[in-house]
Amino acid sequence: MLVKPIEVKALDDYRIWLKYADGVDGEVDLSNLAGKGVFSKWNNYSEFQKVHVGSHGAITWCDEIDLCPDSIYLKLTGKAPQDLFPALHPKPIDA
């Protein structure tokens, strides 16, 4: 089950609001990334405000900065990777 983001908006204090195709929406705090590595581009806050859903569904700011929409979905919902990707569940061992 891959859930695609359909809308994203920049908020104050390095937070974003997202809405996914299944109706899940909410805010995610990305302030822990600001100023680190490629995210130093966000030191100019107008760069952070350029967030959008990329052509392949990534949460994107520019060619150098994007975030996996699945990881953001997990953070937003509190679900585990196995909830989103059932194939990750361990297979029972036959006795």
PDB file of N, CA and C in Angstrom:
ATOM      1  N   MET A   1       0.845  -1.178   0.000  1.00  0.00           N
ATOM      2  CA  MET A   1       0.000   0.000   0.000  1.00  0.00           C
ATOM      3  C   MET A   1       0.886   1.236   0.000  1.00  0.00           C
ATOM      4  N   LEU A   2       0.946   1.912  -1.090  1.00  0.00           N
ATOM      5  CA  LEU A   2       1.678   3.161  -1.171  1.00  0.00           C
ATOM      6  C   LEU A   2       0.670   4.300  -1.170  1.00  0.00           C
ATOM      7  N   VAL A   3       0.813   5.180  -0.220  1.00  0.00           N
ATOM      8  CA  VAL A   3      -0.100   6.313  -0.111  1.00  0.00           C
ATOM      9  C   VAL A   3       0.639   7.545  -0.605  1.00  0.00           C
ATOM     10  N   LYS A   4       0.083   8.220  -1.566  1.00  0.00           N
ATOM     11  CA  LYS A   4       0.738   9.365  -2.190  1.00  0.00           C
ATOM     12  C   LYS A   4       0.295  10.672  -1.548  1.00  0.00           C
ATOM     13  N   PRO A   5       1.254  11.588  -1.327  1.00  0.00           N
ATOM     14  CA  PRO A   5       0.861  12.920  -0.873  1.00  0.00           C
ATOM     15  C   PRO A   5       0.230  13.666  -2.043  1.00  0.00           C
ATOM     16  N   ILE A   6      -0.811  14.441  -1.740  1.00  0.00           N
ATOM     17  CA  ILE A   6      -1.473  15.199  -2.803  1.00  0.00           C
ATOM     18  C   ILE A   6      -1.362  16.702  -2.585  1.00  0.00           C
ATOM     19  N   GLU A   7      -0.953  17.108  -1.385  1.00  0.00           N
ATOM     20  CA  GLU A   7      -0.842  18.532  -1.100  1.00  0.00           C
ATOM     21  C   GLU A   7       0.160  18.731   0.034  1.00  0.00           C
ATOM     22  N   VAL A   8       0.937  19.805  -0.047  1.00  0.00           N
ATOM     23  CA  VAL A   8       1.882  20.150   1.016  1.00  0.00           C
ATOM     24  C   VAL A   8       2.009  21.671   1.077  1.00  0.00           C
ATOM     25  N   LYS A   9       2.127  22.186   2.293  1.00  0.00           N
ATOM     26  CA  LYS A   9       2.297  23.631   2.502  1.00  0.00           C
ATOM     27  C   LYS A   9       3.351  23.854   3.569  1.00  0.00           C
ATOM     28  N   ALA A  10       4.172  24.875   3.373  1.00  0.00           N
ATOM     29  CA  ALA A  10       5.146  25.273   4.390  1.00  0.00           C
ATOM     30  C   ALA A  10       4.425  26.064   5.476  1.00  0.00           C
ATOM     31  N   LEU A  11       4.798  25.786   6.716  1.00  0.00           N
ATOM     32  CA  LEU A  11       4.274  26.511   7.872  1.00  0.00           C
ATOM     33  C   LEU A  11       5.441  27.191   8.578  1.00  0.00           C
ATOM     34  N   ASP A  12       5.159  27.895   9.651  1.00  0.00           N
ATOM     35  CA  ASP A  12       6.209  28.546  10.441  1.00  0.00           C
ATOM     36  C   ASP A  12       7.090  27.515  11.133  1.00  0.00           C
ATOM     37  N   ASP A  13       8.291  27.946  11.506  1.00  0.00           N
ATOM     38  CA  ASP A  13       9.205  27.157  12.334  1.00  0.00           C
ATOM     39  C   ASP A  13       9.584  25.810  11.719  1.00  0.00           C
ATOM     40  N   TYR A  14       9.765  25.782  10.401  1.00  0.00           N
ATOM     41  CA  TYR A  14      10.198  24.577   9.688  1.00  0.00           C
ATOM     42  C   TYR A  14       9.249  23.399   9.870  1.00  0.00           C
ATOM     43  N   ARG A  15       7.962  23.693   9.831  1.00  0.00           N
ATOM     44  CA  ARG A  15       6.943  22.654   9.851  1.00  0.00           C
ATOM     45  C   ARG A  15       6.259  22.651   8.491  1.00  0.00           C
ATOM     46  N   ILE A  16       5.726  21.502   8.112  1.00  0.00           N
ATOM     47  CA  ILE A  16       4.937  21.403   6.891  1.00  0.00           C
ATOM     48  C   ILE A  16       3.602  20.755   7.221  1.00  0.00           C
ATOM     49  N   TRP A  17       2.592  21.107   6.463  1.00  0.00           N
ATOM     50  CA  TRP A  17       1.278  20.456   6.525  1.00  0.00           C
ATOM     51  C   TRP A  17       1.159  19.639   5.253  1.00  0.00           C
ATOM     52  N   LEU A  18       0.703  18.395   5.406  1.00  0.00           N
ATOM     53  CA  LEU A  18       0.539  17.507   4.255  1.00  0.00           C
ATOM     54  C   LEU A  18      -0.837  16.877   4.257  1.00  0.00           C
ATOM     55  N   LYS A  19      -1.289  16.539   3.067  1.00  0.00           N
ATOM     56  CA  LYS A  19      -2.500  15.738   2.907  1.00  0.00           C
ATOM     57  C   LYS A  19      -2.162  14.610   1.946  1.00  0.00           C
ATOM     58  N   TYR A  20      -2.569  13.395   2.334  1.00  0.00           N
ATOM     59  CA  TYR A  20      -2.330  12.206   1.518  1.00  0.00           C
ATOM     60  C   TYR A  20      -3.623  11.762   0.840  1.00  0.00           C
ATOM     61  N   ALA A  21      -3.485  10.949  -0.199  1.00  0.00           N
ATOM     62  CA  ALA A  21      -4.621  10.506  -1.002  1.00  0.00           C
ATOM     63  C   ALA A  21      -5.652   9.721  -0.199  1.00  0.00           C
ATOM     64  N   ASP A  22      -5.236   9.101   0.915  1.00  0.00           N
ATOM     65  CA  ASP A  22      -6.184   8.343   1.734  1.00  0.00           C
ATOM     66  C   ASP A  22      -6.919   9.220   2.751  1.00  0.00           C
ATOM     67  N   GLY A  23      -6.702  10.535   2.688  1.00  0.00           N
ATOM     68  CA  GLY A  23      -7.387  11.469   3.588  1.00  0.00           C
ATOM     69  C   GLY A  23      -6.600  11.842   4.825  1.00  0.00           C
ATOM     70  N   VAL A  24      -5.501  11.144   5.115  1.00  0.00           N
ATOM     71  CA  VAL A  24      -4.662  11.483   6.264  1.00  0.00           C
ATOM     72  C   VAL A  24      -4.032  12.848   6.014  1.00  0.00           C
ATOM     73  N   ASP A  25      -4.102  13.718   7.020  1.00  0.00           N
ATOM     74  CA  ASP A  25      -3.428  15.003   6.916  1.00  0.00           C
ATOM     75  C   ASP A  25      -2.912  15.414   8.289  1.00  0.00           C
ATOM     76  N   GLY A  26      -1.994  16.357   8.281  1.00  0.00           N
ATOM     77  CA  GLY A  26      -1.454  16.852   9.543  1.00  0.00           C
ATOM     78  C   GLY A  26      -0.137  17.561   9.342  1.00  0.00           C
ATOM     79  N   GLU A  27       0.461  17.958  10.458  1.00  0.00           N
ATOM     80  CA  GLU A  27       1.705  18.716  10.450  1.00  0.00           C
ATOM     81  C   GLU A  27       2.878  17.838  10.874  1.00  0.00           C
ATOM     82  N   VAL A  28       4.030  18.112  10.274  1.00  0.00           N
ATOM     83  CA  VAL A  28       5.269  17.432  10.616  1.00  0.00           C
ATOM     84  C   VAL A  28       6.329  18.498  10.858  1.00  0.00           C
ATOM     85  N   ASP A  29       7.043  18.368  11.964  1.00  0.00           N
ATOM     86  CA  ASP A  29       8.109  19.291  12.339  1.00  0.00           C
ATOM     87  C   ASP A  29       9.422  18.813  11.731  1.00  0.00           C
ATOM     88  N   LEU A  30      10.033  19.647  10.895  1.00  0.00           N
ATOM     89  CA  LEU A  30      11.301  19.311  10.259  1.00  0.00           C
ATOM     90  C   LEU A  30      12.433  20.192  10.780  1.00  0.00           C
ATOM     91  N   SER A  31      12.213  20.876  11.895  1.00  0.00           N
ATOM     92  CA  SER A  31      13.210  21.807  12.415  1.00  0.00           C
ATOM     93  C   SER A  31      14.516  21.112  12.783  1.00  0.00           C
ATOM     94  N   ASN A  32      14.462  19.817  13.081  1.00  0.00           N
ATOM     95  CA  ASN A  32      15.693  19.091  13.409  1.00  0.00           C
ATOM     96  C   ASN A  32      16.620  18.965  12.208  1.00  0.00           C
ATOM     97  N   LEU A  33      16.118  19.171  10.999  1.00  0.00           N
ATOM     98  CA  LEU A  33      16.934  19.088   9.784  1.00  0.00           C
ATOM     99  C   LEU A  33      17.522  20.438   9.385  1.00  0.00           C
ATOM    100  N   ALA A  34      16.859  21.512   9.754  1.00  0.00           N
ATOM    101  CA  ALA A  34      17.242  22.861   9.313  1.00  0.00           C
ATOM    102  C   ALA A  34      18.688  23.168   9.677  1.00  0.00           C
ATOM    103  N   GLY A  35      19.418  23.687   8.688  1.00  0.00           N
ATOM    104  CA  GLY A  35      20.791  24.113   8.901  1.00  0.00           C
ATOM    105  C   GLY A  35      21.831  23.013   8.803  1.00  0.00           C
ATOM    106  N   LYS A  36      21.412  21.772   8.584  1.00  0.00           N
ATOM    107  CA  LYS A  36      22.349  20.638   8.539  1.00  0.00           C
ATOM    108  C   LYS A  36      22.515  20.150   7.100  1.00  0.00           C
ATOM    109  N   GLY A  37      23.758  19.982   6.667  1.00  0.00           N
ATOM    110  CA  GLY A  37      24.033  19.446   5.326  1.00  0.00           C
ATOM    111  C   GLY A  37      23.309  20.214   4.239  1.00  0.00           C
ATOM    112  N   VAL A  38      22.636  19.477   3.346  1.00  0.00           N
ATOM    113  CA  VAL A  38      21.914  20.140   2.253  1.00  0.00           C
ATOM    114  C   VAL A  38      20.781  21.030   2.768  1.00  0.00           C
ATOM    115  N   PHE A  39      20.323  20.743   3.988  1.00  0.00           N
ATOM    116  CA  PHE A  39      19.220  21.526   4.559  1.00  0.00           C
ATOM    117  C   PHE A  39      19.671  22.913   5.018  1.00  0.00           C
ATOM    118  N   SER A  40      20.966  23.211   4.887  1.00  0.00           N
ATOM    119  CA  SER A  40      21.435  24.565   5.194  1.00  0.00           C
ATOM    120  C   SER A  40      20.853  25.573   4.206  1.00  0.00           C
ATOM    121  N   LYS A  41      20.363  25.096   3.063  1.00  0.00           N
ATOM    122  CA  LYS A  41      19.674  25.998   2.117  1.00  0.00           C
ATOM    123  C   LYS A  41      18.460  26.645   2.778  1.00  0.00           C
ATOM    124  N   TRP A  42      17.894  25.963   3.772  1.00  0.00           N
ATOM    125  CA  TRP A  42      16.721  26.496   4.464  1.00  0.00           C
ATOM    126  C   TRP A  42      17.068  27.674   5.371  1.00  0.00           C
ATOM    127  N   ASN A  43      18.378  27.969   5.542  1.00  0.00           N
ATOM    128  CA  ASN A  43      18.754  29.143   6.325  1.00  0.00           C
ATOM    129  C   ASN A  43      18.137  30.395   5.707  1.00  0.00           C
ATOM    130  N   ASN A  44      17.939  30.355   4.394  1.00  0.00           N
ATOM    131  CA  ASN A  44      17.146  31.371   3.706  1.00  0.00           C
ATOM    132  C   ASN A  44      15.716  30.814   3.704  1.00  0.00           C
ATOM    133  N   TYR A  45      14.879  31.307   4.625  1.00  0.00           N
ATOM    134  CA  TYR A  45      13.564  30.698   4.849  1.00  0.00           C
ATOM    135  C   TYR A  45      12.697  30.657   3.590  1.00  0.00           C
ATOM    136  N   SER A  46      12.947  31.549   2.660  1.00  0.00           N
ATOM    137  CA  SER A  46      12.164  31.515   1.418  1.00  0.00           C
ATOM    138  C   SER A  46      12.418  30.222   0.646  1.00  0.00           C
ATOM    139  N   GLU A  47      13.579  29.598   0.843  1.00  0.00           N
ATOM    140  CA  GLU A  47      13.855  28.303   0.210  1.00  0.00           C
ATOM    141  C   GLU A  47      12.989  27.206   0.825  1.00  0.00           C
ATOM    142  N   PHE A  48      12.806  27.244   2.136  1.00  0.00           N
ATOM    143  CA  PHE A  48      11.945  26.265   2.800  1.00  0.00           C
ATOM    144  C   PHE A  48      10.499  26.388   2.304  1.00  0.00           C
ATOM    145  N   GLN A  49      10.069  27.597   2.054  1.00  0.00           N
ATOM    146  CA  GLN A  49       8.692  27.845   1.630  1.00  0.00           C
ATOM    147  C   GLN A  49       8.393  27.343   0.222  1.00  0.00           C
ATOM    148  N   LYS A  50       9.394  26.883  -0.507  1.00  0.00           N
ATOM    149  CA  LYS A  50       9.208  26.375  -1.876  1.00  0.00           C
ATOM    150  C   LYS A  50       8.796  24.910  -1.911  1.00  0.00           C
ATOM    151  N   VAL A  51       8.445  24.330  -0.779  1.00  0.00           N
ATOM    152  CA  VAL A  51       8.089  22.915  -0.725  1.00  0.00           C
ATOM    153  C   VAL A  51       6.929  22.613  -1.669  1.00  0.00           C
ATOM    154  N   HIS A  52       6.986  21.445  -2.296  1.00  0.00           N
ATOM    155  CA  HIS A  52       5.913  20.991  -3.192  1.00  0.00           C
ATOM    156  C   HIS A  52       5.989  19.469  -3.315  1.00  0.00           C
ATOM    157  N   VAL A  53       4.949  18.885  -3.871  1.00  0.00           N
ATOM    158  CA  VAL A  53       4.955  17.453  -4.162  1.00  0.00           C
ATOM    159  C   VAL A  53       5.602  17.290  -5.531  1.00  0.00           C
ATOM    160  N   GLY A  54       6.697  16.541  -5.568  1.00  0.00           N
ATOM    161  CA  GLY A  54       7.418  16.327  -6.815  1.00  0.00           C
ATOM    162  C   GLY A  54       6.677  15.404  -7.764  1.00  0.00           C
ATOM    163  N   SER A  55       7.193  15.293  -8.962  1.00  0.00           N
ATOM    164  CA  SER A  55       6.518  14.512 -10.005  1.00  0.00           C
ATOM    165  C   SER A  55       6.392  13.031  -9.645  1.00  0.00           C
ATOM    166  N   HIS A  56       7.258  12.506  -8.779  1.00  0.00           N
ATOM    167  CA  HIS A  56       7.179  11.100  -8.371  1.00  0.00           C
ATOM    168  C   HIS A  56       6.668  10.945  -6.945  1.00  0.00           C
ATOM    169  N   GLY A  57       6.074  12.007  -6.392  1.00  0.00           N
ATOM    170  CA  GLY A  57       5.456  11.927  -5.079  1.00  0.00           C
ATOM    171  C   GLY A  57       6.335  12.302  -3.908  1.00  0.00           C
ATOM    172  N   ALA A  58       7.599  12.612  -4.157  1.00  0.00           N
ATOM    173  CA  ALA A  58       8.481  13.010  -3.055  1.00  0.00           C
ATOM    174  C   ALA A  58       8.090  14.400  -2.562  1.00  0.00           C
ATOM    175  N   ILE A  59       8.384  14.666  -1.293  1.00  0.00           N
ATOM    176  CA  ILE A  59       8.223  16.001  -0.730  1.00  0.00           C
ATOM    177  C   ILE A  59       9.511  16.729  -1.102  1.00  0.00           C
ATOM    178  N   THR A  60       9.411  17.735  -1.952  1.00  0.00           N
ATOM    179  CA  THR A  60      10.564  18.307  -2.631  1.00  0.00           C
ATOM    180  C   THR A  60      10.666  19.810  -2.423  1.00  0.00           C
ATOM    181  N   TRP A  61      11.916  20.283  -2.364  1.00  0.00           N
ATOM    182  CA  TRP A  61      12.185  21.723  -2.315  1.00  0.00           C
ATOM    183  C   TRP A  61      12.962  22.157  -3.551  1.00  0.00           C
ATOM    184  N   CYS A  62      13.914  21.368  -3.965  1.00  0.00           N
ATOM    185  CA  CYS A  62      14.728  21.666  -5.141  1.00  0.00           C
ATOM    186  C   CYS A  62      15.362  20.352  -5.593  1.00  0.00           C
ATOM    187  N   ASP A  63      16.231  20.423  -6.583  1.00  0.00           N
ATOM    188  CA  ASP A  63      16.873  19.196  -7.082  1.00  0.00           C
ATOM    189  C   ASP A  63      17.713  18.510  -6.017  1.00  0.00           C
ATOM    190  N   GLU A  64      18.162  19.250  -5.012  1.00  0.00           N
ATOM    191  CA  GLU A  64      19.045  18.689  -3.999  1.00  0.00           C
ATOM    192  C   GLU A  64      18.331  18.228  -2.733  1.00  0.00           C
ATOM    193  N   ILE A  65      17.108  18.670  -2.520  1.00  0.00           N
ATOM    194  CA  ILE A  65      16.420  18.360  -1.267  1.00  0.00           C
ATOM    195  C   ILE A  65      15.067  17.734  -1.549  1.00  0.00           C
ATOM    196  N   ASP A  66      14.895  16.489  -1.106  1.00  0.00           N
ATOM    197  CA  ASP A  66      13.577  15.859  -1.104  1.00  0.00           C
ATOM    198  C   ASP A  66      13.530  14.849   0.038  1.00  0.00           C
ATOM    199  N   LEU A  67      12.326  14.558   0.465  1.00  0.00           N
ATOM    200  CA  LEU A  67      12.108  13.600   1.546  1.00  0.00           C
ATOM    201  C   LEU A  67      11.161  12.517   1.069  1.00  0.00           C
ATOM    202  N   CYS A  68      11.378  11.310   1.540  1.00  0.00           N
ATOM    203  CA  CYS A  68      10.551  10.168   1.177  1.00  0.00           C
ATOM    204  C   CYS A  68       9.135  10.367   1.729  1.00  0.00           C
ATOM    205  N   PRO A  69       8.125  10.322   0.876  1.00  0.00           N
ATOM    206  CA  PRO A  69       6.761  10.523   1.359  1.00  0.00           C
ATOM    207  C   PRO A  69       6.287   9.414   2.299  1.00  0.00           C
ATOM    208  N   ASP A  70       6.839   8.191   2.144  1.00  0.00           N
ATOM    209  CA  ASP A  70       6.458   7.095   3.031  1.00  0.00           C
ATOM    210  C   ASP A  70       6.959   7.344   4.448  1.00  0.00           C
ATOM    211  N   SER A  71       8.199   7.826   4.583  1.00  0.00           N
ATOM    212  CA  SER A  71       8.732   8.085   5.931  1.00  0.00           C
ATOM    213  C   SER A  71       7.975   9.223   6.605  1.00  0.00           C
ATOM    214  N   ILE A  72       7.580  10.215   5.837  1.00  0.00           N
ATOM    215  CA  ILE A  72       6.796  11.317   6.404  1.00  0.00           C
ATOM    216  C   ILE A  72       5.422  10.801   6.826  1.00  0.00           C
ATOM    217  N   TYR A  73       4.824   9.920   6.016  1.00  0.00           N
ATOM    218  CA  TYR A  73       3.528   9.327   6.346  1.00  0.00           C
ATOM    219  C   TYR A  73       3.616   8.542   7.659  1.00  0.00           C
ATOM    220  N   LEU A  74       4.678   7.755   7.810  1.00  0.00           N
ATOM    221  CA  LEU A  74       4.867   6.998   9.046  1.00  0.00           C
ATOM    222  C   LEU A  74       5.010   7.927  10.244  1.00  0.00           C
ATOM    223  N   LYS A  75       5.769   8.989  10.077  1.00  0.00           N
ATOM    224  CA  LYS A  75       5.946   9.964  11.161  1.00  0.00           C
ATOM    225  C   LYS A  75       4.622  10.630  11.514  1.00  0.00           C
ATOM    226  N   LEU A  76       3.849  10.953  10.506  1.00  0.00           N
ATOM    227  CA  LEU A  76       2.567  11.634  10.698  1.00  0.00           C
ATOM    228  C   LEU A  76       1.531  10.740  11.376  1.00  0.00           C
ATOM    229  N   THR A  77       1.509   9.473  11.009  1.00  0.00           N
ATOM    230  CA  THR A  77       0.476   8.564  11.515  1.00  0.00           C
ATOM    231  C   THR A  77       0.918   7.755  12.727  1.00  0.00           C
ATOM    232  N   GLY A  78       2.223   7.657  12.962  1.00  0.00           N
ATOM    233  CA  GLY A  78       2.725   6.825  14.052  1.00  0.00           C
ATOM    234  C   GLY A  78       2.728   5.347  13.714  1.00  0.00           C
ATOM    235  N   LYS A  79       2.497   5.022  12.450  1.00  0.00           N
ATOM    236  CA  LYS A  79       2.499   3.621  12.031  1.00  0.00           C
ATOM    237  C   LYS A  79       3.927   3.105  11.899  1.00  0.00           C
ATOM    238  N   ALA A  80       4.066   1.787  11.932  1.00  0.00           N
ATOM    239  CA  ALA A  80       5.347   1.127  11.727  1.00  0.00           C
ATOM    240  C   ALA A  80       5.506   0.794  10.241  1.00  0.00           C
ATOM    241  N   PRO A  81       6.741   0.633   9.770  1.00  0.00           N
ATOM    242  CA  PRO A  81       6.938   0.277   8.360  1.00  0.00           C
ATOM    243  C   PRO A  81       6.155  -0.968   7.947  1.00  0.00           C
ATOM    244  N   GLN A  82       6.016  -1.958   8.854  1.00  0.00           N
ATOM    245  CA  GLN A  82       5.280  -3.179   8.530  1.00  0.00           C
ATOM    246  C   GLN A  82       3.802  -2.899   8.265  1.00  0.00           C
ATOM    247  N   ASP A  83       3.271  -1.824   8.845  1.00  0.00           N
ATOM    248  CA  ASP A  83       1.878  -1.460   8.602  1.00  0.00           C
ATOM    249  C   ASP A  83       1.675  -0.986   7.168  1.00  0.00           C
ATOM    250  N   LEU A  84       2.670  -0.316   6.644  1.00  0.00           N
ATOM    251  CA  LEU A  84       2.584   0.233   5.296  1.00  0.00           C
ATOM    252  C   LEU A  84       3.046  -0.772   4.246  1.00  0.00           C
ATOM    253  N   PHE A  85       3.996  -1.611   4.638  1.00  0.00           N
ATOM    254  CA  PHE A  85       4.585  -2.602   3.735  1.00  0.00           C
ATOM    255  C   PHE A  85       4.475  -3.984   4.372  1.00  0.00           C
ATOM    256  N   PRO A  86       3.358  -4.684   4.203  1.00  0.00           N
ATOM    257  CA  PRO A  86       3.142  -5.981   4.860  1.00  0.00           C
ATOM    258  C   PRO A  86       4.225  -7.015   4.566  1.00  0.00           C
ATOM    259  N   ALA A  87       4.920  -6.914   3.457  1.00  0.00           N
ATOM    260  CA  ALA A  87       5.971  -7.886   3.141  1.00  0.00           C
ATOM    261  C   ALA A  87       7.127  -7.821   4.137  1.00  0.00           C
ATOM    262  N   LEU A  88       7.176  -6.780   4.927  1.00  0.00           N
ATOM    263  CA  LEU A  88       8.237  -6.663   5.938  1.00  0.00           C
ATOM    264  C   LEU A  88       7.971  -7.506   7.170  1.00  0.00           C
ATOM    265  N   HIS A  89       6.748  -8.017   7.324  1.00  0.00           N
ATOM    266  CA  HIS A  89       6.439  -8.872   8.455  1.00  0.00           C
ATOM    267  C   HIS A  89       7.278 -10.149   8.365  1.00  0.00           C
ATOM    268  N   PRO A  90       7.858 -10.565   9.459  1.00  0.00           N
ATOM    269  CA  PRO A  90       8.650 -11.805   9.417  1.00  0.00           C
ATOM    270  C   PRO A  90       7.767 -13.007   9.091  1.00  0.00           C
ATOM    271  N   LYS A  91       8.304 -13.926   8.343  1.00  0.00           N
ATOM    272  CA  LYS A  91       7.598 -15.147   7.992  1.00  0.00           C
ATOM    273  C   LYS A  91       7.733 -16.135   9.158  1.00  0.00           C
ATOM    274  N   PRO A  92       6.661 -16.830   9.496  1.00  0.00           N
ATOM    275  CA  PRO A  92       6.777 -17.818  10.561  1.00  0.00           C
ATOM    276  C   PRO A  92       7.687 -18.964  10.133  1.00  0.00           C
ATOM    277  N   ILE A  93       8.433 -19.465  11.088  1.00  0.00           N
ATOM    278  CA  ILE A  93       9.330 -20.599  10.810  1.00  0.00           C
ATOM    279  C   ILE A  93       8.547 -21.884  11.065  1.00  0.00           C
ATOM    280  N   ASP A  94       8.524 -22.753  10.043  1.00  0.00           N
ATOM    281  CA  ASP A  94       7.835 -24.033  10.198  1.00  0.00           C
ATOM    282  C   ASP A  94       8.582 -24.891  11.198  1.00  0.00           C
ATOM    283  N   ALA A  95       7.819 -25.487  12.113  1.00  0.00           N
ATOM    284  CA  ALA A  95       8.434 -26.335  13.142  1.00  0.00           C
ATOM    285  C   ALA A  95       8.664 -27.727  12.641  1.00  0.00           C
TER     286      ALA A  95
END
